[in-house]
PDB file of N, CA and C in Angstrom:
ATOM      1  N   MET A   1     -76.292  36.760 101.734  1.00  0.00           N
ATOM      2  CA  MET A   1     -76.899  36.608 100.297  1.00  0.00           C
ATOM      3  C   MET A   1     -77.879  35.383 100.541  1.00  0.00           C
ATOM      4  N   ILE A   2     -79.052  35.687  99.629  1.00  0.00           N
ATOM      5  CA  ILE A   2     -80.068  34.818  99.588  1.00  0.00           C
ATOM      6  C   ILE A   2     -80.224  33.878  98.326  1.00  0.00           C
ATOM      7  N   ASN A   3     -80.507  32.717  98.355  1.00  0.00           N
ATOM      8  CA  ASN A   3     -80.807  32.057  97.039  1.00  0.00           C
ATOM      9  C   ASN A   3     -82.055  32.334  96.709  1.00  0.00           C
ATOM     10  N   LYS A   4     -82.429  32.891  95.582  1.00  0.00           N
ATOM     11  CA  LYS A   4     -83.607  33.351  95.040  1.00  0.00           C
ATOM     12  C   LYS A   4     -84.602  32.225  94.796  1.00  0.00           C
ATOM     13  N   GLN A   5     -84.087  30.938  94.518  1.00  0.00           N
ATOM     14  CA  GLN A   5     -85.054  29.783  94.108  1.00  0.00           C
ATOM     15  C   GLN A   5     -85.591  29.271  95.581  1.00  0.00           C
ATOM     16  N   THR A   6     -84.634  29.085  96.509  1.00  0.00           N
ATOM     17  CA  THR A   6     -85.082  28.433  97.785  1.00  0.00           C
ATOM     18  C   THR A   6     -85.264  29.505  98.920  1.00  0.00           C
ATOM     19  N   GLU A   7     -84.903  30.756  98.727  1.00  0.00           N
ATOM     20  CA  GLU A   7     -85.038  31.809  99.598  1.00  0.00           C
ATOM     21  C   GLU A   7     -84.327  31.352 101.111  1.00  0.00           C
ATOM     22  N   LEU A   8     -83.463  30.670 100.902  1.00  0.00           N
ATOM     23  CA  LEU A   8     -82.424  30.356 102.013  1.00  0.00           C
ATOM     24  C   LEU A   8     -81.165  31.003 101.936  1.00  0.00           C
ATOM     25  N   PRO A   9     -80.451  31.234 103.171  1.00  0.00           N
ATOM     26  CA  PRO A   9     -79.216  31.947 103.085  1.00  0.00           C
ATOM     27  C   PRO A   9     -78.184  31.059 102.443  1.00  0.00           C
ATOM     28  N   VAL A  10     -77.331  31.814 101.725  1.00  0.00           N
ATOM     29  CA  VAL A  10     -76.244  31.024 101.074  1.00  0.00           C
ATOM     30  C   VAL A  10     -75.049  31.526 101.747  1.00  0.00           C
ATOM     31  N   THR A  11     -74.389  30.420 102.406  1.00  0.00           N
ATOM     32  CA  THR A  11     -73.019  30.811 103.217  1.00  0.00           C
ATOM     33  C   THR A  11     -71.952  30.065 102.805  1.00  0.00           C
ATOM     34  N   GLU A  12     -70.806  30.596 102.912  1.00  0.00           N
ATOM     35  CA  GLU A  12     -69.524  29.813 102.606  1.00  0.00           C
ATOM     36  C   GLU A  12     -69.372  28.772 103.596  1.00  0.00           C
ATOM     37  N   PRO A  13     -68.996  27.521 103.071  1.00  0.00           N
ATOM     38  CA  PRO A  13     -68.747  26.560 104.063  1.00  0.00           C
ATOM     39  C   PRO A  13     -67.672  26.787 105.125  1.00  0.00           C
ATOM     40  N   ASP A  14     -67.698  26.418 106.246  1.00  0.00           N
ATOM     41  CA  ASP A  14     -66.533  26.644 107.266  1.00  0.00           C
ATOM     42  C   ASP A  14     -65.514  25.524 107.003  1.00  0.00           C
ATOM     43  N   TYR A  15     -64.517  25.837 106.118  1.00  0.00           N
ATOM     44  CA  TYR A  15     -63.516  24.785 105.791  1.00  0.00           C
ATOM     45  C   TYR A  15     -62.734  24.410 106.929  1.00  0.00           C
ATOM     46  N   ALA A  16     -62.500  25.380 107.777  1.00  0.00           N
ATOM     47  CA  ALA A  16     -61.562  25.005 108.934  1.00  0.00           C
ATOM     48  C   ALA A  16     -62.279  23.959 109.781  1.00  0.00           C
ATOM     49  N   ALA A  17     -63.644  24.108 110.061  1.00  0.00           N
ATOM     50  CA  ALA A  17     -64.450  23.252 110.827  1.00  0.00           C
ATOM     51  C   ALA A  17     -64.564  21.711 110.187  1.00  0.00           C
ATOM     52  N   ILE A  18     -64.630  21.772 108.848  1.00  0.00           N
ATOM     53  CA  ILE A  18     -64.559  20.458 107.910  1.00  0.00           C
ATOM     54  C   ILE A  18     -63.328  19.879 108.133  1.00  0.00           C
ATOM     55  N   GLY A  19     -62.306  20.596 108.015  1.00  0.00           N
ATOM     56  CA  GLY A  19     -60.939  19.992 108.241  1.00  0.00           C
ATOM     57  C   GLY A  19     -60.684  19.437 109.536  1.00  0.00           C
ATOM     58  N   LYS A  20     -61.263  20.111 110.607  1.00  0.00           N
ATOM     59  CA  LYS A  20     -61.159  19.603 112.111  1.00  0.00           C
ATOM     60  C   LYS A  20     -61.906  18.301 112.084  1.00  0.00           C
ATOM     61  N   ARG A  21     -62.992  18.178 111.566  1.00  0.00           N
ATOM     62  CA  ARG A  21     -63.790  16.834 111.564  1.00  0.00           C
ATOM     63  C   ARG A  21     -63.046  15.802 110.776  1.00  0.00           C
ATOM     64  N   ILE A  22     -62.438  16.107 109.689  1.00  0.00           N
ATOM     65  CA  ILE A  22     -61.614  15.069 109.031  1.00  0.00           C
ATOM     66  C   ILE A  22     -60.413  14.631 109.714  1.00  0.00           C
ATOM     67  N   ARG A  23     -59.665  15.556 110.371  1.00  0.00           N
ATOM     68  CA  ARG A  23     -58.683  15.166 111.252  1.00  0.00           C
ATOM     69  C   ARG A  23     -59.081  14.170 112.435  1.00  0.00           C
ATOM     70  N   LYS A  24     -60.206  14.650 112.974  1.00  0.00           N
ATOM     71  CA  LYS A  24     -60.732  13.775 114.037  1.00  0.00           C
ATOM     72  C   LYS A  24     -61.127  12.302 113.691  1.00  0.00           C
ATOM     73  N   ALA A  25     -61.776  12.292 112.686  1.00  0.00           N
ATOM     74  CA  ALA A  25     -62.078  11.108 112.124  1.00  0.00           C
ATOM     75  C   ALA A  25     -60.970  10.204 111.598  1.00  0.00           C
ATOM     76  N   ARG A  26     -59.984  10.920 111.117  1.00  0.00           N
ATOM     77  CA  ARG A  26     -58.641  10.132 110.625  1.00  0.00           C
ATOM     78  C   ARG A  26     -57.993   9.541 111.812  1.00  0.00           C
ATOM     79  N   LYS A  27     -57.922  10.422 112.801  1.00  0.00           N
ATOM     80  CA  LYS A  27     -57.231  10.068 114.152  1.00  0.00           C
ATOM     81  C   LYS A  27     -57.809   8.905 114.652  1.00  0.00           C
ATOM     82  N   LYS A  28     -59.204   8.934 114.646  1.00  0.00           N
ATOM     83  CA  LYS A  28     -59.946   7.762 115.354  1.00  0.00           C
ATOM     84  C   LYS A  28     -59.681   6.427 114.744  1.00  0.00           C
ATOM     85  N   LEU A  29     -59.358   6.531 113.311  1.00  0.00           N
ATOM     86  CA  LEU A  29     -59.121   5.369 112.633  1.00  0.00           C
ATOM     87  C   LEU A  29     -57.501   5.085 112.763  1.00  0.00           C
ATOM     88  N   ASN A  30     -56.784   5.819 113.393  1.00  0.00           N
ATOM     89  CA  ASN A  30     -55.275   5.818 113.556  1.00  0.00           C
ATOM     90  C   ASN A  30     -54.623   5.814 112.083  1.00  0.00           C
ATOM     91  N   TYR A  31     -55.205   6.761 111.236  1.00  0.00           N
ATOM     92  CA  TYR A  31     -54.669   6.954 109.978  1.00  0.00           C
ATOM     93  C   TYR A  31     -53.733   8.152 110.028  1.00  0.00           C
ATOM     94  N   THR A  32     -52.614   7.989 109.334  1.00  0.00           N
ATOM     95  CA  THR A  32     -51.719   9.306 109.161  1.00  0.00           C
ATOM     96  C   THR A  32     -52.436  10.097 108.050  1.00  0.00           C
ATOM     97  N   GLN A  33     -51.907  11.290 107.995  1.00  0.00           N
ATOM     98  CA  GLN A  33     -52.396  12.099 106.747  1.00  0.00           C
ATOM     99  C   GLN A  33     -51.997  11.488 105.537  1.00  0.00           C
ATOM    100  N   GLU A  34     -50.788  10.858 105.519  1.00  0.00           N
ATOM    101  CA  GLU A  34     -50.234  10.244 104.330  1.00  0.00           C
ATOM    102  C   GLU A  34     -51.110   9.022 103.861  1.00  0.00           C
ATOM    103  N   ARG A  35     -51.460   8.338 104.780  1.00  0.00           N
ATOM    104  CA  ARG A  35     -52.216   7.176 104.485  1.00  0.00           C
ATOM    105  C   ARG A  35     -53.683   7.525 104.038  1.00  0.00           C
ATOM    106  N   LEU A  36     -54.283   8.478 104.622  1.00  0.00           N
ATOM    107  CA  LEU A  36     -55.577   9.027 104.005  1.00  0.00           C
ATOM    108  C   LEU A  36     -55.359   9.664 102.745  1.00  0.00           C
ATOM    109  N   ALA A  37     -54.356  10.484 102.528  1.00  0.00           N
ATOM    110  CA  ALA A  37     -54.083  11.078 101.327  1.00  0.00           C
ATOM    111  C   ALA A  37     -53.993   9.907 100.058  1.00  0.00           C
ATOM    112  N   GLU A  38     -53.342   8.877 100.457  1.00  0.00           N
ATOM    113  CA  GLU A  38     -53.050   7.863  99.505  1.00  0.00           C
ATOM    114  C   GLU A  38     -54.337   7.134  99.144  1.00  0.00           C
ATOM    115  N   LYS A  39     -55.157   6.868 100.217  1.00  0.00           N
ATOM    116  CA  LYS A  39     -56.535   6.191  99.914  1.00  0.00           C
ATOM    117  C   LYS A  39     -57.383   6.900  99.062  1.00  0.00           C
ATOM    118  N   VAL A  40     -57.332   8.445  99.167  1.00  0.00           N
ATOM    119  CA  VAL A  40     -58.069   9.198  98.249  1.00  0.00           C
ATOM    120  C   VAL A  40     -57.497   9.825  97.027  1.00  0.00           C
ATOM    121  N   ASN A  41     -56.352   9.351  96.800  1.00  0.00           N
ATOM    122  CA  ASN A  41     -55.426   9.805  95.702  1.00  0.00           C
ATOM    123  C   ASN A  41     -55.216  11.372  95.659  1.00  0.00           C
ATOM    124  N   LEU A  42     -54.803  11.931  96.985  1.00  0.00           N
ATOM    125  CA  LEU A  42     -54.540  13.331  96.956  1.00  0.00           C
ATOM    126  C   LEU A  42     -53.063  13.208  97.589  1.00  0.00           C
ATOM    127  N   SER A  43     -52.230  14.379  97.408  1.00  0.00           N
ATOM    128  CA  SER A  43     -50.835  14.496  97.988  1.00  0.00           C
ATOM    129  C   SER A  43     -51.067  14.786  99.428  1.00  0.00           C
ATOM    130  N   ALA A  44     -50.066  14.367 100.221  1.00  0.00           N
ATOM    131  CA  ALA A  44     -50.045  14.572 101.652  1.00  0.00           C
ATOM    132  C   ALA A  44     -50.043  16.044 102.087  1.00  0.00           C
ATOM    133  N   PRO A  45     -49.384  16.827 101.265  1.00  0.00           N
ATOM    134  CA  PRO A  45     -49.488  18.393 101.652  1.00  0.00           C
ATOM    135  C   PRO A  45     -51.102  19.020 101.336  1.00  0.00           C
ATOM    136  N   HIS A  46     -51.586  18.394 100.293  1.00  0.00           N
ATOM    137  CA  HIS A  46     -52.911  18.783 100.124  1.00  0.00           C
ATOM    138  C   HIS A  46     -53.909  18.411 101.015  1.00  0.00           C
ATOM    139  N   MET A  47     -53.699  17.236 101.709  1.00  0.00           N
ATOM    140  CA  MET A  47     -54.675  16.722 102.787  1.00  0.00           C
ATOM    141  C   MET A  47     -54.282  17.578 103.926  1.00  0.00           C
ATOM    142  N   SER A  48     -53.073  18.019 104.179  1.00  0.00           N
ATOM    143  CA  SER A  48     -52.783  18.908 105.254  1.00  0.00           C
ATOM    144  C   SER A  48     -53.478  20.309 105.296  1.00  0.00           C
ATOM    145  N   HIS A  49     -53.354  20.628 103.934  1.00  0.00           N
ATOM    146  CA  HIS A  49     -54.212  21.858 103.601  1.00  0.00           C
ATOM    147  C   HIS A  49     -55.762  21.770 103.899  1.00  0.00           C
ATOM    148  N   ILE A  50     -56.262  20.730 103.616  1.00  0.00           N
ATOM    149  CA  ILE A  50     -57.598  20.390 103.869  1.00  0.00           C
ATOM    150  C   ILE A  50     -57.862  20.586 105.262  1.00  0.00           C
ATOM    151  N   GLU A  51     -57.093  19.731 105.923  1.00  0.00           N
ATOM    152  CA  GLU A  51     -57.454  19.445 107.421  1.00  0.00           C
ATOM    153  C   GLU A  51     -57.156  20.844 108.200  1.00  0.00           C
ATOM    154  N   ASN A  52     -56.390  21.758 107.713  1.00  0.00           N
ATOM    155  CA  ASN A  52     -56.031  23.045 108.366  1.00  0.00           C
ATOM    156  C   ASN A  52     -56.918  24.194 107.712  1.00  0.00           C
ATOM    157  N   GLY A  53     -57.936  23.838 106.876  1.00  0.00           N
ATOM    158  CA  GLY A  53     -58.798  24.748 106.387  1.00  0.00           C
ATOM    159  C   GLY A  53     -58.212  25.852 105.381  1.00  0.00           C
ATOM    160  N   LYS A  54     -56.955  25.549 104.899  1.00  0.00           N
ATOM    161  CA  LYS A  54     -56.359  26.354 104.100  1.00  0.00           C
ATOM    162  C   LYS A  54     -56.892  26.108 102.530  1.00  0.00           C
ATOM    163  N   THR A  55     -57.310  25.068 102.281  1.00  0.00           N
ATOM    164  CA  THR A  55     -57.783  24.560 100.940  1.00  0.00           C
ATOM    165  C   THR A  55     -59.297  24.219 100.892  1.00  0.00           C
ATOM    166  N   LYS A  56     -60.038  24.771 100.010  1.00  0.00           N
ATOM    167  CA  LYS A  56     -61.360  24.409  99.822  1.00  0.00           C
ATOM    168  C   LYS A  56     -61.464  22.859  99.208  1.00  0.00           C
ATOM    169  N   VAL A  57     -61.985  22.171 100.001  1.00  0.00           N
ATOM    170  CA  VAL A  57     -61.986  20.715  99.497  1.00  0.00           C
ATOM    171  C   VAL A  57     -63.124  20.637  98.499  1.00  0.00           C
ATOM    172  N   SER A  58     -62.876  19.954  97.353  1.00  0.00           N
ATOM    173  CA  SER A  58     -63.800  19.762  96.366  1.00  0.00           C
ATOM    174  C   SER A  58     -64.940  18.624  96.824  1.00  0.00           C
ATOM    175  N   LEU A  59     -66.146  18.790  96.192  1.00  0.00           N
ATOM    176  CA  LEU A  59     -67.149  17.733  96.511  1.00  0.00           C
ATOM    177  C   LEU A  59     -66.612  16.300  96.274  1.00  0.00           C
ATOM    178  N   PRO A  60     -65.953  16.104  95.000  1.00  0.00           N
ATOM    179  CA  PRO A  60     -65.657  14.694  94.789  1.00  0.00           C
ATOM    180  C   PRO A  60     -64.401  14.218  95.905  1.00  0.00           C
ATOM    181  N   SER A  61     -63.649  15.038  96.237  1.00  0.00           N
ATOM    182  CA  SER A  61     -62.704  14.785  97.262  1.00  0.00           C
ATOM    183  C   SER A  61     -63.394  14.574  98.508  1.00  0.00           C
ATOM    184  N   LEU A  62     -64.192  15.335  98.911  1.00  0.00           N
ATOM    185  CA  LEU A  62     -64.984  15.200 100.311  1.00  0.00           C
ATOM    186  C   LEU A  62     -65.787  13.790 100.342  1.00  0.00           C
ATOM    187  N   ILE A  63     -66.332  13.382  99.231  1.00  0.00           N
ATOM    188  CA  ILE A  63     -66.971  12.105  99.288  1.00  0.00           C
ATOM    189  C   ILE A  63     -65.907  10.854  99.251  1.00  0.00           C
ATOM    190  N   LEU A  64     -64.904  11.102  98.781  1.00  0.00           N
ATOM    191  CA  LEU A  64     -63.929  10.147  98.807  1.00  0.00           C
ATOM    192  C   LEU A  64     -63.300  10.090 100.267  1.00  0.00           C
ATOM    193  N   ILE A  65     -63.148  11.088 100.801  1.00  0.00           N
ATOM    194  CA  ILE A  65     -62.477  11.324 102.112  1.00  0.00           C
ATOM    195  C   ILE A  65     -63.567  10.530 103.148  1.00  0.00           C
ATOM    196  N   ALA A  66     -64.751  11.097 102.956  1.00  0.00           N
ATOM    197  CA  ALA A  66     -65.968  10.519 103.918  1.00  0.00           C
ATOM    198  C   ALA A  66     -65.794   9.028 103.821  1.00  0.00           C
ATOM    199  N   ASN A  67     -65.851   8.474 102.556  1.00  0.00           N
ATOM    200  CA  ASN A  67     -65.882   6.960 102.351  1.00  0.00           C
ATOM    201  C   ASN A  67     -64.633   6.260 103.058  1.00  0.00           C
ATOM    202  N   ALA A  68     -63.480   6.979 102.918  1.00  0.00           N
ATOM    203  CA  ALA A  68     -62.274   6.374 103.493  1.00  0.00           C
ATOM    204  C   ALA A  68     -62.238   6.475 104.956  1.00  0.00           C
ATOM    205  N   LEU A  69     -62.921   7.410 105.527  1.00  0.00           N
ATOM    206  CA  LEU A  69     -62.996   7.579 107.038  1.00  0.00           C
ATOM    207  C   LEU A  69     -64.199   6.827 107.518  1.00  0.00           C
ATOM    208  N   GLN A  70     -65.046   6.157 106.782  1.00  0.00           N
ATOM    209  CA  GLN A  70     -66.185   5.361 107.185  1.00  0.00           C
ATOM    210  C   GLN A  70     -67.123   6.425 108.079  1.00  0.00           C
ATOM    211  N   THR A  71     -67.396   7.413 107.304  1.00  0.00           N
ATOM    212  CA  THR A  71     -68.216   8.434 107.843  1.00  0.00           C
ATOM    213  C   THR A  71     -69.091   9.078 106.683  1.00  0.00           C
ATOM    214  N   THR A  72     -69.939  10.010 106.938  1.00  0.00           N
ATOM    215  CA  THR A  72     -70.805  10.503 105.896  1.00  0.00           C
ATOM    216  C   THR A  72     -70.302  11.989 105.635  1.00  0.00           C
ATOM    217  N   VAL A  73     -70.622  12.471 104.593  1.00  0.00           N
ATOM    218  CA  VAL A  73     -70.296  13.881 104.076  1.00  0.00           C
ATOM    219  C   VAL A  73     -71.328  14.635 104.902  1.00  0.00           C
ATOM    220  N   ASP A  74     -72.316  14.346 105.395  1.00  0.00           N
ATOM    221  CA  ASP A  74     -73.228  15.108 106.198  1.00  0.00           C
ATOM    222  C   ASP A  74     -72.449  15.242 107.603  1.00  0.00           C
ATOM    223  N   ALA A  75     -71.918  14.199 108.116  1.00  0.00           N
ATOM    224  CA  ALA A  75     -71.221  14.369 109.285  1.00  0.00           C
ATOM    225  C   ALA A  75     -70.055  15.338 109.127  1.00  0.00           C
ATOM    226  N   LEU A  76     -69.475  15.404 108.045  1.00  0.00           N
ATOM    227  CA  LEU A  76     -68.249  16.311 107.838  1.00  0.00           C
ATOM    228  C   LEU A  76     -68.717  17.749 107.734  1.00  0.00           C
ATOM    229  N   LEU A  77     -69.927  17.960 107.050  1.00  0.00           N
ATOM    230  CA  LEU A  77     -70.426  19.207 106.613  1.00  0.00           C
ATOM    231  C   LEU A  77     -71.411  19.830 107.427  1.00  0.00           C
ATOM    232  N   HIS A  78     -71.976  19.116 108.536  1.00  0.00           N
ATOM    233  CA  HIS A  78     -73.174  19.436 109.254  1.00  0.00           C
ATOM    234  C   HIS A  78     -73.419  20.929 109.675  1.00  0.00           C
ATOM    235  N   ASP A  79     -72.297  21.698 109.917  1.00  0.00           N
ATOM    236  CA  ASP A  79     -72.573  23.041 110.314  1.00  0.00           C
ATOM    237  C   ASP A  79     -72.607  24.068 109.153  1.00  0.00           C
ATOM    238  N   SER A  80     -72.542  23.426 107.944  1.00  0.00           N
ATOM    239  CA  SER A  80     -72.482  24.149 106.606  1.00  0.00           C
ATOM    240  C   SER A  80     -73.961  24.158 105.813  1.00  0.00           C
ATOM    241  N   VAL A  81     -74.784  23.164 106.448  1.00  0.00           N
ATOM    242  CA  VAL A  81     -76.008  22.762 105.685  1.00  0.00           C
ATOM    243  C   VAL A  81     -77.040  22.808 106.939  1.00  0.00           C
ATOM    244  N   THR A  82     -78.262  22.716 106.395  1.00  0.00           N
ATOM    245  CA  THR A  82     -79.294  22.686 107.446  1.00  0.00           C
ATOM    246  C   THR A  82     -78.997  21.330 108.113  1.00  0.00           C
ATOM    247  N   VAL A  83     -78.766  21.354 109.440  1.00  0.00           N
ATOM    248  CA  VAL A  83     -78.406  20.275 110.234  1.00  0.00           C
ATOM    249  C   VAL A  83     -79.430  19.113 110.257  1.00  0.00           C
ATOM    250  N   THR A  84     -78.958  17.983 110.098  1.00  0.00           N
ATOM    251  CA  THR A  84     -79.996  16.904 110.252  1.00  0.00           C
ATOM    252  C   THR A  84     -79.857  16.357 111.764  1.00  0.00           C
ATOM    253  N   ARG A  85     -80.954  15.809 112.192  1.00  0.00           N
ATOM    254  CA  ARG A  85     -80.833  15.145 113.442  1.00  0.00           C
ATOM    255  C   ARG A  85     -79.836  14.005 113.620  1.00  0.00           C
ATOM    256  N   GLU A  86     -79.458  13.244 112.557  1.00  0.00           N
ATOM    257  CA  GLU A  86     -78.561  12.243 112.520  1.00  0.00           C
ATOM    258  C   GLU A  86     -77.113  12.827 112.741  1.00  0.00           C
ATOM    259  N   ALA A  87     -76.905  14.083 112.205  1.00  0.00           N
ATOM    260  CA  ALA A  87     -75.744  14.617 112.426  1.00  0.00           C
ATOM    261  C   ALA A  87     -75.248  14.956 113.896  1.00  0.00           C
ATOM    262  N   PHE A  88     -76.397  15.647 114.412  1.00  0.00           N
ATOM    263  CA  PHE A  88     -76.373  16.018 115.907  1.00  0.00           C
ATOM    264  C   PHE A  88     -76.282  14.882 116.660  1.00  0.00           C
ATOM    265  N   ASP A  89     -76.965  13.809 116.458  1.00  0.00           N
ATOM    266  CA  ASP A  89     -76.831  12.499 117.207  1.00  0.00           C
ATOM    267  C   ASP A  89     -75.507  11.997 117.319  1.00  0.00           C
ATOM    268  N   GLN A  90     -74.891  11.842 116.023  1.00  0.00           N
ATOM    269  CA  GLN A  90     -73.476  11.495 116.005  1.00  0.00           C
ATOM    270  C   GLN A  90     -72.448  12.407 116.616  1.00  0.00           C
ATOM    271  N   ASP A  91     -72.636  13.590 116.649  1.00  0.00           N
ATOM    272  CA  ASP A  91     -71.809  14.570 117.370  1.00  0.00           C
ATOM    273  C   ASP A  91     -71.878  14.373 118.828  1.00  0.00           C
ATOM    274  N   PHE A  92     -73.125  14.087 119.284  1.00  0.00           N
ATOM    275  CA  PHE A  92     -73.320  13.694 120.844  1.00  0.00           C
ATOM    276  C   PHE A  92     -72.606  12.420 121.049  1.00  0.00           C
ATOM    277  N   ARG A  93     -72.792  11.485 120.178  1.00  0.00           N
ATOM    278  CA  ARG A  93     -72.059  10.096 120.527  1.00  0.00           C
ATOM    279  C   ARG A  93     -70.733  10.266 120.672  1.00  0.00           C
ATOM    280  N   ASP A  94     -70.126  11.083 119.630  1.00  0.00           N
ATOM    281  CA  ASP A  94     -68.595  11.251 119.693  1.00  0.00           C
ATOM    282  C   ASP A  94     -68.175  11.935 120.826  1.00  0.00           C
ATOM    283  N   LEU A  95     -68.994  12.935 121.333  1.00  0.00           N
ATOM    284  CA  LEU A  95     -68.666  13.771 122.618  1.00  0.00           C
ATOM    285  C   LEU A  95     -68.572  12.797 123.791  1.00  0.00           C
ATOM    286  N   LEU A  96     -69.391  11.945 123.903  1.00  0.00           N
ATOM    287  CA  LEU A  96     -69.541  11.059 125.005  1.00  0.00           C
ATOM    288  C   LEU A  96     -68.788   9.790 124.957  1.00  0.00           C
ATOM    289  N   GLU A  97     -68.166   9.572 123.772  1.00  0.00           N
ATOM    290  CA  GLU A  97     -67.449   8.212 123.539  1.00  0.00           C
ATOM    291  C   GLU A  97     -66.300   7.929 124.551  1.00  0.00           C
ATOM    292  N   ASP A  98     -65.634   8.859 124.966  1.00  0.00           N
ATOM    293  CA  ASP A  98     -64.441   8.577 125.891  1.00  0.00           C
ATOM    294  C   ASP A  98     -64.702   8.970 127.300  1.00  0.00           C
ATOM    295  N   CYS A  99     -66.039   9.279 127.529  1.00  0.00           N
ATOM    296  CA  CYS A  99     -66.376   9.829 128.987  1.00  0.00           C
ATOM    297  C   CYS A  99     -66.551   8.675 129.964  1.00  0.00           C
ATOM    298  N   THR A 100     -66.206   8.824 131.123  1.00  0.00           N
ATOM    299  CA  THR A 100     -66.610   7.772 132.176  1.00  0.00           C
ATOM    300  C   THR A 100     -68.006   7.916 132.405  1.00  0.00           C
ATOM    301  N   VAL A 101     -68.554   7.025 133.257  1.00  0.00           N
ATOM    302  CA  VAL A 101     -69.961   7.126 133.629  1.00  0.00           C
ATOM    303  C   VAL A 101     -70.191   8.310 134.558  1.00  0.00           C
ATOM    304  N   GLU A 102     -69.377   8.650 135.349  1.00  0.00           N
ATOM    305  CA  GLU A 102     -69.409   9.868 136.164  1.00  0.00           C
ATOM    306  C   GLU A 102     -69.633  11.006 135.345  1.00  0.00           C
ATOM    307  N   GLU A 103     -68.668  11.121 134.282  1.00  0.00           N
ATOM    308  CA  GLU A 103     -68.776  12.267 133.445  1.00  0.00           C
ATOM    309  C   GLU A 103     -69.958  12.443 132.644  1.00  0.00           C
ATOM    310  N   LYS A 104     -70.458  11.332 132.227  1.00  0.00           N
ATOM    311  CA  LYS A 104     -71.685  11.236 131.406  1.00  0.00           C
ATOM    312  C   LYS A 104     -72.873  11.724 132.364  1.00  0.00           C
ATOM    313  N   GLN A 105     -72.866  11.306 133.565  1.00  0.00           N
ATOM    314  CA  GLN A 105     -73.813  11.725 134.483  1.00  0.00           C
ATOM    315  C   GLN A 105     -73.767  13.085 134.709  1.00  0.00           C
ATOM    316  N   LEU A 106     -72.755  13.611 134.976  1.00  0.00           N
ATOM    317  CA  LEU A 106     -72.567  15.222 135.043  1.00  0.00           C
ATOM    318  C   LEU A 106     -73.033  15.856 133.806  1.00  0.00           C
ATOM    319  N   LEU A 107     -72.600  15.406 132.688  1.00  0.00           N
ATOM    320  CA  LEU A 107     -73.092  16.066 131.427  1.00  0.00           C
ATOM    321  C   LEU A 107     -74.710  15.965 131.272  1.00  0.00           C
ATOM    322  N   TYR A 108     -75.195  14.857 131.547  1.00  0.00           N
ATOM    323  CA  TYR A 108     -76.610  14.582 131.456  1.00  0.00           C
ATOM    324  C   TYR A 108     -77.418  15.521 132.330  1.00  0.00           C
ATOM    325  N   THR A 109     -76.729  15.794 133.623  1.00  0.00           N
ATOM    326  CA  THR A 109     -77.595  16.575 134.550  1.00  0.00           C
ATOM    327  C   THR A 109     -77.548  18.164 133.881  1.00  0.00           C
ATOM    328  N   ALA A 110     -76.293  18.468 133.570  1.00  0.00           N
ATOM    329  CA  ALA A 110     -76.085  19.856 132.977  1.00  0.00           C
ATOM    330  C   ALA A 110     -76.896  20.200 131.930  1.00  0.00           C
ATOM    331  N   VAL A 111     -76.977  19.245 130.936  1.00  0.00           N
ATOM    332  CA  VAL A 111     -77.899  19.324 129.734  1.00  0.00           C
ATOM    333  C   VAL A 111     -79.281  19.386 129.971  1.00  0.00           C
ATOM    334  N   SER A 112     -79.711  18.615 130.986  1.00  0.00           N
ATOM    335  CA  SER A 112     -81.129  18.565 131.408  1.00  0.00           C
ATOM    336  C   SER A 112     -81.657  19.895 131.898  1.00  0.00           C
ATOM    337  N   GLU A 113     -80.726  20.432 132.660  1.00  0.00           N
ATOM    338  CA  GLU A 113     -81.083  21.659 133.310  1.00  0.00           C
ATOM    339  C   GLU A 113     -81.285  22.779 132.332  1.00  0.00           C
ATOM    340  N   MET A 114     -80.042  22.609 131.322  1.00  0.00           N
ATOM    341  CA  MET A 114     -80.053  23.807 130.328  1.00  0.00           C
ATOM    342  C   MET A 114     -81.319  23.531 129.456  1.00  0.00           C
ATOM    343  N   LYS A 115     -81.832  22.426 129.066  1.00  0.00           N
ATOM    344  CA  LYS A 115     -83.003  22.297 128.390  1.00  0.00           C
ATOM    345  C   LYS A 115     -84.208  22.762 129.118  1.00  0.00           C
ATOM    346  N   LYS A 116     -84.171  22.654 130.358  1.00  0.00           N
ATOM    347  CA  LYS A 116     -85.383  23.139 131.163  1.00  0.00           C
ATOM    348  C   LYS A 116     -85.466  24.697 130.923  1.00  0.00           C
ATOM    349  N   VAL A 117     -84.214  25.525 131.002  1.00  0.00           N
ATOM    350  CA  VAL A 117     -84.214  26.776 130.833  1.00  0.00           C
ATOM    351  C   VAL A 117     -84.534  27.257 129.521  1.00  0.00           C
ATOM    352  N   MET A 118     -83.955  26.538 128.458  1.00  0.00           N
ATOM    353  CA  MET A 118     -84.427  26.915 127.271  1.00  0.00           C
ATOM    354  C   MET A 118     -85.936  26.688 126.840  1.00  0.00           C
ATOM    355  N   LYS A 119     -86.636  25.746 127.308  1.00  0.00           N
ATOM    356  CA  LYS A 119     -88.034  25.503 127.182  1.00  0.00           C
ATOM    357  C   LYS A 119     -88.790  26.603 127.778  1.00  0.00           C
ATOM    358  N   LYS A 120     -88.265  27.430 128.809  1.00  0.00           N
ATOM    359  CA  LYS A 120     -89.135  28.345 129.377  1.00  0.00           C
ATOM    360  C   LYS A 120     -89.516  29.591 128.501  1.00  0.00           C
TER     361      LYS A 120
END
């Protein structure tokens, strides 16, 4: 479907992916689902459903969750909207966060080679 005003495709957000990012950010802060739910005034079962993509998280709840997790709504939604450079940069930082120097070198080499192929 196309939005007639913007002529951009209208897609359903990937609630499962959003939930996974919420779970990852929650675990990074060592929060339980119950603790996060309490911080954003939701029930623990509802938070579980959000993280599992079974519930469509509302925008007000998403904002509260992002603030509680010290992240941005953009970082939680980035595959559902036109992706910003900052969101990708954060994803790369998160990906490399627990890598050893050797793993980072290997990834750098692989990505550099892939980039060369893509640019051809």
